Amino acid sequence: MDTDTVMHIAQRTLETALLISAPVLIVALAVGLFAALLQAVTSVRDMTLGMVLKIAAVGVTVLVFGGWMLQQALSFTTEIFHHMQTMTQ
């Protein structure tokens, strides 16, 4: 295995990790900002409000994007196994 192959696999690993986690992280960030703004405007100091909203939003996001996320992970896994197969030959 040469350096180019290792760098390609490392790059694809990071790209796939970012791609799979992006929808959940973006939704959690947006809902967190919305909850903080809502708490600031209404002077509500309940810490669980933001957490409950984030958990619900992340759950819905995983339900909506879960199939796509699984497809991306399976595609990456297939690519890695293909690389392993060509390296052993």
PDB file of N, CA and C in Angstrom:
ATOM      1  N   MET A   1       0.851  -1.167   0.000  1.00  0.00           N
ATOM      2  CA  MET A   1       0.000   0.000   0.000  1.00  0.00           C
ATOM      3  C   MET A   1       0.900   1.234   0.000  1.00  0.00           C
ATOM      4  N   ASP A   2       0.638   2.119  -0.945  1.00  0.00           N
ATOM      5  CA  ASP A   2       1.468   3.319  -1.035  1.00  0.00           C
ATOM      6  C   ASP A   2       0.803   4.496  -0.331  1.00  0.00           C
ATOM      7  N   THR A   3       1.511   5.598  -0.286  1.00  0.00           N
ATOM      8  CA  THR A   3       1.039   6.782   0.434  1.00  0.00           C
ATOM      9  C   THR A   3      -0.207   7.390  -0.199  1.00  0.00           C
ATOM     10  N   ASP A   4      -0.291   7.335  -1.515  1.00  0.00           N
ATOM     11  CA  ASP A   4      -1.469   7.900  -2.194  1.00  0.00           C
ATOM     12  C   ASP A   4      -2.745   7.164  -1.802  1.00  0.00           C
ATOM     13  N   THR A   5      -2.653   5.866  -1.702  1.00  0.00           N
ATOM     14  CA  THR A   5      -3.826   5.078  -1.317  1.00  0.00           C
ATOM     15  C   THR A   5      -4.248   5.396   0.110  1.00  0.00           C
ATOM     16  N   VAL A   6      -3.295   5.505   1.007  1.00  0.00           N
ATOM     17  CA  VAL A   6      -3.602   5.828   2.402  1.00  0.00           C
ATOM     18  C   VAL A   6      -4.230   7.214   2.503  1.00  0.00           C
ATOM     19  N   MET A   7      -3.692   8.170   1.787  1.00  0.00           N
ATOM     20  CA  MET A   7      -4.240   9.533   1.806  1.00  0.00           C
ATOM     21  C   MET A   7      -5.645   9.571   1.211  1.00  0.00           C
ATOM     22  N   HIS A   8      -5.873   8.796   0.163  1.00  0.00           N
ATOM     23  CA  HIS A   8      -7.206   8.748  -0.453  1.00  0.00           C
ATOM     24  C   HIS A   8      -8.219   8.160   0.533  1.00  0.00           C
ATOM     25  N   ILE A   9      -7.836   7.073   1.192  1.00  0.00           N
ATOM     26  CA  ILE A   9      -8.746   6.447   2.153  1.00  0.00           C
ATOM     27  C   ILE A   9      -9.010   7.386   3.329  1.00  0.00           C
ATOM     28  N   ALA A  10      -7.992   8.062   3.813  1.00  0.00           N
ATOM     29  CA  ALA A  10      -8.172   9.013   4.917  1.00  0.00           C
ATOM     30  C   ALA A  10      -9.071  10.173   4.509  1.00  0.00           C
ATOM     31  N   GLN A  11      -8.870  10.675   3.306  1.00  0.00           N
ATOM     32  CA  GLN A  11      -9.696  11.781   2.822  1.00  0.00           C
ATOM     33  C   GLN A  11     -11.153  11.351   2.670  1.00  0.00           C
ATOM     34  N   ARG A  12     -11.365  10.173   2.091  1.00  0.00           N
ATOM     35  CA  ARG A  12     -12.736   9.672   1.920  1.00  0.00           C
ATOM     36  C   ARG A  12     -13.402   9.408   3.272  1.00  0.00           C
ATOM     37  N   THR A  13     -12.611   8.954   4.248  1.00  0.00           N
ATOM     38  CA  THR A  13     -13.157   8.707   5.585  1.00  0.00           C
ATOM     39  C   THR A  13     -13.646  10.002   6.214  1.00  0.00           C
ATOM     40  N   LEU A  14     -12.843  11.040   6.153  1.00  0.00           N
ATOM     41  CA  LEU A  14     -13.251  12.332   6.720  1.00  0.00           C
ATOM     42  C   LEU A  14     -14.431  12.935   5.968  1.00  0.00           C
ATOM     43  N   GLU A  15     -14.416  12.851   4.645  1.00  0.00           N
ATOM     44  CA  GLU A  15     -15.534  13.368   3.849  1.00  0.00           C
ATOM     45  C   GLU A  15     -16.830  12.653   4.199  1.00  0.00           C
ATOM     46  N   THR A  16     -16.768  11.337   4.313  1.00  0.00           N
ATOM     47  CA  THR A  16     -17.970  10.565   4.618  1.00  0.00           C
ATOM     48  C   THR A  16     -18.478  10.874   6.019  1.00  0.00           C
ATOM     49  N   ALA A  17     -17.575  10.994   6.977  1.00  0.00           N
ATOM     50  CA  ALA A  17     -17.983  11.314   8.348  1.00  0.00           C
ATOM     51  C   ALA A  17     -18.662  12.680   8.412  1.00  0.00           C
ATOM     52  N   LEU A  18     -18.097  13.659   7.723  1.00  0.00           N
ATOM     53  CA  LEU A  18     -18.704  14.992   7.702  1.00  0.00           C
ATOM     54  C   LEU A  18     -20.040  14.993   6.972  1.00  0.00           C
ATOM     55  N   LEU A  19     -20.112  14.253   5.884  1.00  0.00           N
ATOM     56  CA  LEU A  19     -21.335  14.201   5.086  1.00  0.00           C
ATOM     57  C   LEU A  19     -22.464  13.537   5.863  1.00  0.00           C
ATOM     58  N   ILE A  20     -22.147  12.470   6.576  1.00  0.00           N
ATOM     59  CA  ILE A  20     -23.180  11.753   7.322  1.00  0.00           C
ATOM     60  C   ILE A  20     -23.645  12.558   8.541  1.00  0.00           C
ATOM     61  N   SER A  21     -22.724  13.227   9.210  1.00  0.00           N
ATOM     62  CA  SER A  21     -23.097  13.949  10.430  1.00  0.00           C
ATOM     63  C   SER A  21     -23.646  15.350  10.165  1.00  0.00           C
ATOM     64  N   ALA A  22     -23.473  15.877   8.969  1.00  0.00           N
ATOM     65  CA  ALA A  22     -23.872  17.260   8.682  1.00  0.00           C
ATOM     66  C   ALA A  22     -25.358  17.551   8.922  1.00  0.00           C
ATOM     67  N   PRO A  23     -26.295  16.729   8.423  1.00  0.00           N
ATOM     68  CA  PRO A  23     -27.705  17.090   8.666  1.00  0.00           C
ATOM     69  C   PRO A  23     -28.063  17.172  10.143  1.00  0.00           C
ATOM     70  N   VAL A  24     -27.581  16.233  10.929  1.00  0.00           N
ATOM     71  CA  VAL A  24     -27.901  16.225  12.358  1.00  0.00           C
ATOM     72  C   VAL A  24     -27.269  17.427  13.059  1.00  0.00           C
ATOM     73  N   LEU A  25     -26.012  17.716  12.744  1.00  0.00           N
ATOM     74  CA  LEU A  25     -25.337  18.840  13.390  1.00  0.00           C
ATOM     75  C   LEU A  25     -25.952  20.179  13.014  1.00  0.00           C
ATOM     76  N   ILE A  26     -26.316  20.338  11.749  1.00  0.00           N
ATOM     77  CA  ILE A  26     -26.917  21.600  11.309  1.00  0.00           C
ATOM     78  C   ILE A  26     -28.266  21.820  11.981  1.00  0.00           C
ATOM     79  N   VAL A  27     -29.084  20.772  12.044  1.00  0.00           N
ATOM     80  CA  VAL A  27     -30.398  20.901  12.690  1.00  0.00           C
ATOM     81  C   VAL A  27     -30.234  21.182  14.181  1.00  0.00           C
ATOM     82  N   ALA A  28     -29.311  20.491  14.836  1.00  0.00           N
ATOM     83  CA  ALA A  28     -29.087  20.725  16.273  1.00  0.00           C
ATOM     84  C   ALA A  28     -28.613  22.159  16.518  1.00  0.00           C
ATOM     85  N   LEU A  29     -27.749  22.664  15.651  1.00  0.00           N
ATOM     86  CA  LEU A  29     -27.285  24.043  15.794  1.00  0.00           C
ATOM     87  C   LEU A  29     -28.427  25.037  15.613  1.00  0.00           C
ATOM     88  N   ALA A  30     -29.225  24.830  14.572  1.00  0.00           N
ATOM     89  CA  ALA A  30     -30.336  25.753  14.296  1.00  0.00           C
ATOM     90  C   ALA A  30     -31.369  25.727  15.429  1.00  0.00           C
ATOM     91  N   VAL A  31     -31.721  24.548  15.897  1.00  0.00           N
ATOM     92  CA  VAL A  31     -32.707  24.448  16.979  1.00  0.00           C
ATOM     93  C   VAL A  31     -32.140  25.014  18.277  1.00  0.00           C
ATOM     94  N   GLY A  32     -30.856  24.805  18.522  1.00  0.00           N
ATOM     95  CA  GLY A  32     -30.229  25.377  19.712  1.00  0.00           C
ATOM     96  C   GLY A  32     -30.256  26.896  19.698  1.00  0.00           C
ATOM     97  N   LEU A  33     -29.963  27.477  18.540  1.00  0.00           N
ATOM     98  CA  LEU A  33     -30.025  28.944  18.425  1.00  0.00           C
ATOM     99  C   LEU A  33     -31.449  29.455  18.601  1.00  0.00           C
ATOM    100  N   PHE A  34     -32.400  28.733  18.013  1.00  0.00           N
ATOM    101  CA  PHE A  34     -33.805  29.128  18.146  1.00  0.00           C
ATOM    102  C   PHE A  34     -34.251  29.036  19.604  1.00  0.00           C
ATOM    103  N   ALA A  35     -33.874  27.960  20.293  1.00  0.00           N
ATOM    104  CA  ALA A  35     -34.262  27.797  21.694  1.00  0.00           C
ATOM    105  C   ALA A  35     -33.617  28.873  22.567  1.00  0.00           C
ATOM    106  N   ALA A  36     -32.366  29.197  22.293  1.00  0.00           N
ATOM    107  CA  ALA A  36     -31.699  30.254  23.065  1.00  0.00           C
ATOM    108  C   ALA A  36     -32.366  31.602  22.836  1.00  0.00           C
ATOM    109  N   LEU A  37     -32.718  31.868  21.581  1.00  0.00           N
ATOM    110  CA  LEU A  37     -33.415  33.119  21.269  1.00  0.00           C
ATOM    111  C   LEU A  37     -34.784  33.163  21.939  1.00  0.00           C
ATOM    112  N   LEU A  38     -35.501  32.045  21.901  1.00  0.00           N
ATOM    113  CA  LEU A  38     -36.809  31.962  22.545  1.00  0.00           C
ATOM    114  C   LEU A  38     -36.691  32.168  24.052  1.00  0.00           C
ATOM    115  N   GLN A  39     -35.678  31.587  24.664  1.00  0.00           N
ATOM    116  CA  GLN A  39     -35.483  31.760  26.101  1.00  0.00           C
ATOM    117  C   GLN A  39     -35.084  33.193  26.448  1.00  0.00           C
ATOM    118  N   ALA A  40     -34.305  33.825  25.589  1.00  0.00           N
ATOM    119  CA  ALA A  40     -33.900  35.207  25.853  1.00  0.00           C
ATOM    120  C   ALA A  40     -35.079  36.165  25.724  1.00  0.00           C
ATOM    121  N   VAL A  41     -35.921  35.914  24.734  1.00  0.00           N
ATOM    122  CA  VAL A  41     -37.063  36.810  24.503  1.00  0.00           C
ATOM    123  C   VAL A  41     -38.109  36.650  25.601  1.00  0.00           C
ATOM    124  N   THR A  42     -38.366  35.414  26.026  1.00  0.00           N
ATOM    125  CA  THR A  42     -39.426  35.178  27.003  1.00  0.00           C
ATOM    126  C   THR A  42     -38.915  35.145  28.441  1.00  0.00           C
ATOM    127  N   SER A  43     -37.612  35.285  28.652  1.00  0.00           N
ATOM    128  CA  SER A  43     -36.998  35.249  29.981  1.00  0.00           C
ATOM    129  C   SER A  43     -37.241  33.926  30.707  1.00  0.00           C
ATOM    130  N   VAL A  44     -37.398  32.873  29.942  1.00  0.00           N
ATOM    131  CA  VAL A  44     -37.544  31.539  30.527  1.00  0.00           C
ATOM    132  C   VAL A  44     -36.141  31.002  30.776  1.00  0.00           C
ATOM    133  N   ARG A  45     -35.864  30.541  31.972  1.00  0.00           N
ATOM    134  CA  ARG A  45     -34.531  30.071  32.330  1.00  0.00           C
ATOM    135  C   ARG A  45     -34.472  28.547  32.486  1.00  0.00           C
ATOM    136  N   ASP A  46     -35.398  27.843  31.885  1.00  0.00           N
ATOM    137  CA  ASP A  46     -35.439  26.389  32.000  1.00  0.00           C
ATOM    138  C   ASP A  46     -34.419  25.768  31.059  1.00  0.00           C
ATOM    139  N   MET A  47     -33.452  25.030  31.600  1.00  0.00           N
ATOM    140  CA  MET A  47     -32.385  24.433  30.793  1.00  0.00           C
ATOM    141  C   MET A  47     -32.883  23.252  29.966  1.00  0.00           C
ATOM    142  N   THR A  48     -33.953  22.605  30.419  1.00  0.00           N
ATOM    143  CA  THR A  48     -34.430  21.422  29.710  1.00  0.00           C
ATOM    144  C   THR A  48     -35.176  21.773  28.434  1.00  0.00           C
ATOM    145  N   LEU A  49     -35.651  22.986  28.305  1.00  0.00           N
ATOM    146  CA  LEU A  49     -36.403  23.376  27.118  1.00  0.00           C
ATOM    147  C   LEU A  49     -35.556  23.232  25.861  1.00  0.00           C
ATOM    148  N   GLY A  50     -34.368  23.755  25.879  1.00  0.00           N
ATOM    149  CA  GLY A  50     -33.488  23.657  24.717  1.00  0.00           C
ATOM    150  C   GLY A  50     -33.091  22.228  24.420  1.00  0.00           C
ATOM    151  N   MET A  51     -32.842  21.449  25.461  1.00  0.00           N
ATOM    152  CA  MET A  51     -32.428  20.065  25.271  1.00  0.00           C
ATOM    153  C   MET A  51     -33.555  19.218  24.688  1.00  0.00           C
ATOM    154  N   VAL A  52     -34.761  19.403  25.190  1.00  0.00           N
ATOM    155  CA  VAL A  52     -35.900  18.638  24.681  1.00  0.00           C
ATOM    156  C   VAL A  52     -36.160  18.983  23.220  1.00  0.00           C
ATOM    157  N   LEU A  53     -36.089  20.255  22.878  1.00  0.00           N
ATOM    158  CA  LEU A  53     -36.286  20.662  21.486  1.00  0.00           C
ATOM    159  C   LEU A  53     -35.207  20.061  20.577  1.00  0.00           C
ATOM    160  N   LYS A  54     -33.959  20.083  21.037  1.00  0.00           N
ATOM    161  CA  LYS A  54     -32.864  19.512  20.241  1.00  0.00           C
ATOM    162  C   LYS A  54     -33.027  18.011  20.056  1.00  0.00           C
ATOM    163  N   ILE A  55     -33.377  17.300  21.111  1.00  0.00           N
ATOM    164  CA  ILE A  55     -33.542  15.849  21.012  1.00  0.00           C
ATOM    165  C   ILE A  55     -34.670  15.513  20.048  1.00  0.00           C
ATOM    166  N   ALA A  56     -35.770  16.227  20.129  1.00  0.00           N
ATOM    167  CA  ALA A  56     -36.890  15.973  19.218  1.00  0.00           C
ATOM    168  C   ALA A  56     -36.503  16.286  17.772  1.00  0.00           C
ATOM    169  N   ALA A  57     -35.821  17.399  17.563  1.00  0.00           N
ATOM    170  CA  ALA A  57     -35.429  17.785  16.203  1.00  0.00           C
ATOM    171  C   ALA A  57     -34.406  16.809  15.619  1.00  0.00           C
ATOM    172  N   VAL A  58     -33.457  16.372  16.438  1.00  0.00           N
ATOM    173  CA  VAL A  58     -32.464  15.413  15.959  1.00  0.00           C
ATOM    174  C   VAL A  58     -33.133  14.078  15.645  1.00  0.00           C
ATOM    175  N   GLY A  59     -34.087  13.670  16.464  1.00  0.00           N
ATOM    176  CA  GLY A  59     -34.828  12.437  16.194  1.00  0.00           C
ATOM    177  C   GLY A  59     -35.571  12.485  14.871  1.00  0.00           C
ATOM    178  N   VAL A  60     -36.230  13.599  14.608  1.00  0.00           N
ATOM    179  CA  VAL A  60     -36.939  13.758  13.340  1.00  0.00           C
ATOM    180  C   VAL A  60     -35.953  13.787  12.171  1.00  0.00           C
ATOM    181  N   THR A  61     -34.829  14.440  12.370  1.00  0.00           N
ATOM    182  CA  THR A  61     -33.807  14.502  11.317  1.00  0.00           C
ATOM    183  C   THR A  61     -33.276  13.118  10.990  1.00  0.00           C
ATOM    184  N   VAL A  62     -33.028  12.315  12.011  1.00  0.00           N
ATOM    185  CA  VAL A  62     -32.538  10.956  11.768  1.00  0.00           C
ATOM    186  C   VAL A  62     -33.601  10.130  11.058  1.00  0.00           C
ATOM    187  N   LEU A  63     -34.870  10.327  11.401  1.00  0.00           N
ATOM    188  CA  LEU A  63     -35.935   9.615  10.696  1.00  0.00           C
ATOM    189  C   LEU A  63     -36.018  10.030   9.231  1.00  0.00           C
ATOM    190  N   VAL A  64     -35.845  11.313   8.962  1.00  0.00           N
ATOM    191  CA  VAL A  64     -35.957  11.809   7.592  1.00  0.00           C
ATOM    192  C   VAL A  64     -34.727  11.442   6.764  1.00  0.00           C
ATOM    193  N   PHE A  65     -33.534  11.662   7.325  1.00  0.00           N
ATOM    194  CA  PHE A  65     -32.302  11.464   6.572  1.00  0.00           C
ATOM    195  C   PHE A  65     -31.617  10.124   6.855  1.00  0.00           C
ATOM    196  N   GLY A  66     -32.215   9.290   7.692  1.00  0.00           N
ATOM    197  CA  GLY A  66     -31.575   8.044   8.086  1.00  0.00           C
ATOM    198  C   GLY A  66     -31.273   7.114   6.928  1.00  0.00           C
ATOM    199  N   GLY A  67     -32.194   6.990   5.998  1.00  0.00           N
ATOM    200  CA  GLY A  67     -31.965   6.132   4.837  1.00  0.00           C
ATOM    201  C   GLY A  67     -30.810   6.617   3.985  1.00  0.00           C
ATOM    202  N   TRP A  68     -30.762   7.905   3.771  1.00  0.00           N
ATOM    203  CA  TRP A  68     -29.664   8.484   2.981  1.00  0.00           C
ATOM    204  C   TRP A  68     -28.330   8.326   3.705  1.00  0.00           C
ATOM    205  N   MET A  69     -28.343   8.536   5.025  1.00  0.00           N
ATOM    206  CA  MET A  69     -27.117   8.396   5.806  1.00  0.00           C
ATOM    207  C   MET A  69     -26.617   6.947   5.763  1.00  0.00           C
ATOM    208  N   LEU A  70     -27.540   5.997   5.863  1.00  0.00           N
ATOM    209  CA  LEU A  70     -27.161   4.591   5.789  1.00  0.00           C
ATOM    210  C   LEU A  70     -26.621   4.238   4.411  1.00  0.00           C
ATOM    211  N   GLN A  71     -27.229   4.793   3.378  1.00  0.00           N
ATOM    212  CA  GLN A  71     -26.758   4.551   2.005  1.00  0.00           C
ATOM    213  C   GLN A  71     -25.329   5.085   1.829  1.00  0.00           C
ATOM    214  N   GLN A  72     -25.039   6.257   2.371  1.00  0.00           N
ATOM    215  CA  GLN A  72     -23.685   6.808   2.280  1.00  0.00           C
ATOM    216  C   GLN A  72     -22.675   5.939   3.028  1.00  0.00           C
ATOM    217  N   ALA A  73     -23.063   5.465   4.208  1.00  0.00           N
ATOM    218  CA  ALA A  73     -22.166   4.613   4.996  1.00  0.00           C
ATOM    219  C   ALA A  73     -21.918   3.280   4.295  1.00  0.00           C
ATOM    220  N   LEU A  74     -22.955   2.705   3.700  1.00  0.00           N
ATOM    221  CA  LEU A  74     -22.786   1.443   2.980  1.00  0.00           C
ATOM    222  C   LEU A  74     -21.927   1.618   1.736  1.00  0.00           C
ATOM    223  N   SER A  75     -22.098   2.727   1.052  1.00  0.00           N
ATOM    224  CA  SER A  75     -21.271   3.007  -0.121  1.00  0.00           C
ATOM    225  C   SER A  75     -19.804   3.122   0.266  1.00  0.00           C
ATOM    226  N   PHE A  76     -19.534   3.821   1.356  1.00  0.00           N
ATOM    227  CA  PHE A  76     -18.160   3.962   1.836  1.00  0.00           C
ATOM    228  C   PHE A  76     -17.580   2.616   2.250  1.00  0.00           C
ATOM    229  N   THR A  77     -18.371   1.818   2.953  1.00  0.00           N
ATOM    230  CA  THR A  77     -17.909   0.501   3.389  1.00  0.00           C
ATOM    231  C   THR A  77     -17.596  -0.393   2.203  1.00  0.00           C
ATOM    232  N   THR A  78     -18.443  -0.352   1.187  1.00  0.00           N
ATOM    233  CA  THR A  78     -18.192  -1.129  -0.028  1.00  0.00           C
ATOM    234  C   THR A  78     -16.901  -0.685  -0.697  1.00  0.00           C
ATOM    235  N   GLU A  79     -16.677   0.619  -0.741  1.00  0.00           N
ATOM    236  CA  GLU A  79     -15.441   1.137  -1.333  1.00  0.00           C
ATOM    237  C   GLU A  79     -14.208   0.678  -0.555  1.00  0.00           C
ATOM    238  N   ILE A  80     -14.289   0.689   0.773  1.00  0.00           N
ATOM    239  CA  ILE A  80     -13.168   0.250   1.605  1.00  0.00           C
ATOM    240  C   ILE A  80     -12.893  -1.237   1.390  1.00  0.00           C
ATOM    241  N   PHE A  81     -13.953  -2.056   1.342  1.00  0.00           N
ATOM    242  CA  PHE A  81     -13.749  -3.486   1.098  1.00  0.00           C
ATOM    243  C   PHE A  81     -13.173  -3.739  -0.288  1.00  0.00           C
ATOM    244  N   HIS A  82     -13.555  -2.925  -1.261  1.00  0.00           N
ATOM    245  CA  HIS A  82     -12.979  -3.053  -2.602  1.00  0.00           C
ATOM    246  C   HIS A  82     -11.480  -2.741  -2.564  1.00  0.00           C
ATOM    247  N   HIS A  83     -11.104  -1.703  -1.829  1.00  0.00           N
ATOM    248  CA  HIS A  83      -9.683  -1.376  -1.679  1.00  0.00           C
ATOM    249  C   HIS A  83      -8.920  -2.515  -1.002  1.00  0.00           C
ATOM    250  N   MET A  84      -9.548  -3.113   0.023  1.00  0.00           N
ATOM    251  CA  MET A  84      -8.890  -4.218   0.713  1.00  0.00           C
ATOM    252  C   MET A  84      -8.705  -5.412  -0.222  1.00  0.00           C
ATOM    253  N   GLN A  85      -9.695  -5.649  -1.058  1.00  0.00           N
ATOM    254  CA  GLN A  85      -9.618  -6.774  -1.990  1.00  0.00           C
ATOM    255  C   GLN A  85      -8.514  -6.557  -3.020  1.00  0.00           C
ATOM    256  N   THR A  86      -8.387  -5.331  -3.531  1.00  0.00           N
ATOM    257  CA  THR A  86      -7.340  -5.070  -4.537  1.00  0.00           C
ATOM    258  C   THR A  86      -5.955  -5.056  -3.906  1.00  0.00           C
ATOM    259  N   MET A  87      -5.851  -4.713  -2.619  1.00  0.00           N
ATOM    260  CA  MET A  87      -4.540  -4.703  -1.963  1.00  0.00           C
ATOM    261  C   MET A  87      -4.010  -6.121  -1.721  1.00  0.00           C
ATOM    262  N   THR A  88      -4.898  -7.076  -1.500  1.00  0.00           N
ATOM    263  CA  THR A  88      -4.462  -8.429  -1.208  1.00  0.00           C
ATOM    264  C   THR A  88      -4.121  -9.219  -2.461  1.00  0.00           C
ATOM    265  N   GLN A  89      -4.468  -8.707  -3.606  1.00  0.00           N
ATOM    266  CA  GLN A  89      -4.187  -9.452  -4.847  1.00  0.00           C
ATOM    267  C   GLN A  89      -2.830  -9.132  -5.384  1.00  0.00           C
TER     268      GLN A  89
END
